[in-house]
Amino acid sequence: PTGQPKGVVLTHGNVAHFVAWANARFGMSPGDRISCQLPLYFDGSLWDVFGSLTAGAELHLMSGRDNLLPSTVADFIAGARLQQWLTVPSVLTSMAGLDVVSHGDFPELRRIFWGGDVVALPVLRYWMTRLPHVRFTNMYGPTEG
C-alpha cells in the first residue's frame, strides 16, 4: 500500500553490474572527483561509493553541515572541484530558487546527475544557462533497473 515503507533486495551482482555499466557509460576514471551527497540508504549512493572506488576516483563526502543551505552546497562543489555530482531535484530546485549559481561556476564540473524525481523545466533551464559546459542526466538507480 502507498505510504508504507518498502524495501528492494539488491544482490552483489546487481550492484556490480550497475556500477560497471555506469562507470563505463559516464566515463568515471582514476583521479576524478566525485561527490557523495546522498545518504547511504539512498540507492544512488551505491554508485557514488562503489563507482569511485572501482574507478580509482576521489570520493568527496558532503557533511550534514555542507548540505544545510544551497550556498554551502555550492561552496562544497567549488571547493572540492567536483567533476561529477549526483544529487536530488529538491537540491537543484532550492539552489536555483536562491540563485546561488553564477554563469561559468564550477569550471571542472562535467556532469550533474539527479534521481528520485523529476526536475522542473524552469529549474533545468536555470542550471543549463549558468553551466553550459556541464551535461545533465536524469539517472535512475539499481532499484529501477
Protein backbone atom coordinates (compact mmCIF):
# COMPACT_ATOMS: atom_id res chain seq x y z
CA PRO A 1 0.00 0.00 0.00
CA THR A 2 1.01 3.59 -0.55
CA GLY A 3 2.68 5.27 2.40
CA GLN A 4 4.18 2.06 3.72
CA PRO A 5 7.97 1.60 3.80
CA LYS A 6 9.18 -0.73 1.10
CA GLY A 7 12.45 -2.49 0.57
CA VAL A 8 14.17 -3.84 -2.50
CA VAL A 9 16.72 -6.63 -2.32
CA LEU A 10 19.77 -5.95 -4.46
CA THR A 11 22.35 -8.68 -4.88
CA HIS A 12 26.06 -8.02 -5.07
CA GLY A 13 25.76 -8.94 -8.73
CA ASN A 14 23.06 -6.30 -9.30
CA VAL A 15 25.22 -3.61 -7.75
CA ALA A 16 28.40 -4.75 -9.51
CA HIS A 17 26.65 -4.75 -12.89
CA PHE A 18 25.14 -1.30 -12.32
CA VAL A 19 28.45 0.18 -11.14
CA ALA A 20 30.38 -1.29 -14.09
CA TRP A 21 27.76 -0.03 -16.56
CA ALA A 22 27.57 3.47 -15.03
CA ASN A 23 31.36 3.86 -14.81
CA ALA A 24 31.75 2.91 -18.47
CA ARG A 25 28.74 4.91 -19.67
CA PHE A 26 29.67 8.12 -17.86
CA GLY A 27 33.44 7.84 -18.03
CA MET A 28 34.38 7.72 -14.37
CA SER A 29 38.14 7.31 -14.27
CA PRO A 30 41.13 7.43 -11.90
CA GLY A 31 41.58 10.81 -10.28
CA ASP A 32 38.04 12.04 -10.99
CA ARG A 33 36.48 14.00 -8.13
CA ILE A 34 33.05 12.62 -7.29
CA SER A 35 30.52 13.82 -4.72
CA CYS A 36 28.89 11.76 -2.04
CA GLN A 37 25.97 13.97 -1.08
CA LEU A 38 23.25 11.35 -0.94
CA PRO A 39 22.54 9.45 2.27
CA LEU A 40 23.89 5.92 2.24
CA TYR A 41 20.39 4.42 2.44
CA PHE A 42 19.55 6.01 -0.95
CA ASP A 43 20.37 3.57 -3.76
CA GLY A 44 22.10 6.29 -5.78
CA SER A 45 24.85 6.41 -3.18
CA LEU A 46 25.90 2.91 -4.27
CA TRP A 47 27.38 4.37 -7.45
CA ASP A 48 28.96 7.29 -5.60
CA VAL A 49 30.76 4.96 -3.23
CA PHE A 50 31.47 1.82 -5.26
CA GLY A 51 31.82 3.57 -8.60
CA SER A 52 34.50 5.88 -7.30
CA LEU A 53 36.31 3.05 -5.50
CA THR A 54 36.36 0.75 -8.53
CA ALA A 55 37.42 3.58 -10.86
CA GLY A 56 40.16 4.89 -8.58
CA ALA A 57 38.35 8.21 -8.31
CA GLU A 58 38.34 10.56 -5.32
CA LEU A 59 35.13 10.43 -3.26
CA HIS A 60 34.30 13.74 -1.59
CA LEU A 61 31.93 13.23 1.32
CA MET A 62 29.49 16.05 1.89
CA SER A 63 28.82 16.60 5.57
CA GLY A 64 25.46 17.43 7.05
CA ARG A 65 26.69 20.99 7.55
CA ASP A 66 27.63 21.30 3.86
CA ASN A 67 24.15 20.06 2.96
CA LEU A 68 22.23 22.58 5.09
CA LEU A 69 21.96 25.54 2.74
CA PRO A 70 22.07 25.98 -1.03
CA SER A 71 25.04 28.32 -0.66
CA THR A 72 27.04 25.74 1.32
CA VAL A 73 26.29 23.08 -1.30
CA ALA A 74 27.65 25.47 -3.96
CA ASP A 75 30.71 26.17 -1.80
CA PHE A 76 31.31 22.42 -1.43
CA ILE A 77 31.09 21.80 -5.19
CA ALA A 78 33.53 24.63 -5.87
CA GLY A 79 35.92 23.74 -3.04
CA ALA A 80 36.07 20.04 -3.94
CA ARG A 81 36.40 20.91 -7.64
CA LEU A 82 33.88 18.18 -8.37
CA GLN A 83 33.74 16.68 -11.83
CA GLN A 84 30.59 14.59 -11.35
CA TRP A 85 27.82 15.39 -8.89
CA LEU A 86 24.84 13.16 -8.11
CA THR A 87 22.06 14.96 -6.26
CA VAL A 88 18.27 15.14 -5.95
CA PRO A 89 15.83 17.53 -7.62
CA SER A 90 14.98 19.35 -4.39
CA VAL A 91 18.62 20.46 -4.04
CA LEU A 92 18.77 21.67 -7.64
CA THR A 93 15.46 23.49 -7.13
CA SER A 94 16.49 25.20 -3.89
CA MET A 95 19.84 26.29 -5.33
CA ALA A 96 18.09 27.73 -8.39
CA GLY A 97 15.41 29.38 -6.25
CA LEU A 98 18.03 31.22 -4.22
CA ASP A 99 20.14 31.93 -7.32
CA VAL A 100 23.40 30.67 -5.82
CA VAL A 101 24.98 29.63 -9.12
CA SER A 102 26.58 32.16 -11.45
CA HIS A 103 27.37 31.80 -15.12
CA GLY A 104 30.51 29.68 -15.51
CA ASP A 105 30.69 28.49 -11.90
CA PHE A 106 32.24 25.08 -11.25
CA PRO A 107 34.53 25.02 -14.31
CA GLU A 108 35.70 21.45 -13.63
CA LEU A 109 32.20 20.01 -13.30
CA ARG A 110 31.43 17.79 -16.28
CA ARG A 111 28.09 16.27 -15.36
CA ILE A 112 25.22 16.69 -12.92
CA PHE A 113 23.05 13.67 -12.24
CA TRP A 114 19.79 13.65 -10.35
CA GLY A 115 17.41 10.93 -9.38
CA GLY A 116 14.38 10.21 -7.27
CA ASP A 117 12.07 12.68 -9.01
CA VAL A 118 11.78 14.99 -11.99
CA VAL A 119 13.39 18.41 -12.29
CA ALA A 120 11.00 21.15 -13.40
CA LEU A 121 11.89 22.62 -16.79
CA PRO A 122 12.49 26.19 -15.46
CA VAL A 123 14.94 24.77 -12.90
CA LEU A 124 16.78 22.77 -15.55
CA ARG A 125 16.95 25.85 -17.78
CA TYR A 126 18.43 27.84 -14.88
CA TRP A 127 21.23 25.30 -14.49
CA MET A 128 21.87 24.83 -18.20
CA THR A 129 22.10 28.58 -18.78
CA ARG A 130 24.60 29.08 -15.98
CA LEU A 131 26.66 25.96 -16.64
CA PRO A 132 26.76 25.47 -20.42
CA HIS A 133 29.87 23.29 -20.09
CA VAL A 134 28.01 20.69 -17.97
CA ARG A 135 25.98 17.70 -19.17
CA PHE A 136 22.75 16.97 -17.32
CA THR A 137 21.45 13.45 -16.72
CA ASN A 138 18.30 12.16 -15.07
CA MET A 139 19.72 8.98 -13.58
CA TYR A 140 17.84 6.00 -12.30
CA GLY A 141 19.49 3.54 -9.99
CA PRO A 142 19.61 -0.19 -9.47
CA THR A 143 16.11 -0.37 -7.99
CA GLU A 144 14.59 0.99 -11.19
CA GLY A 145 16.65 -1.32 -13.40
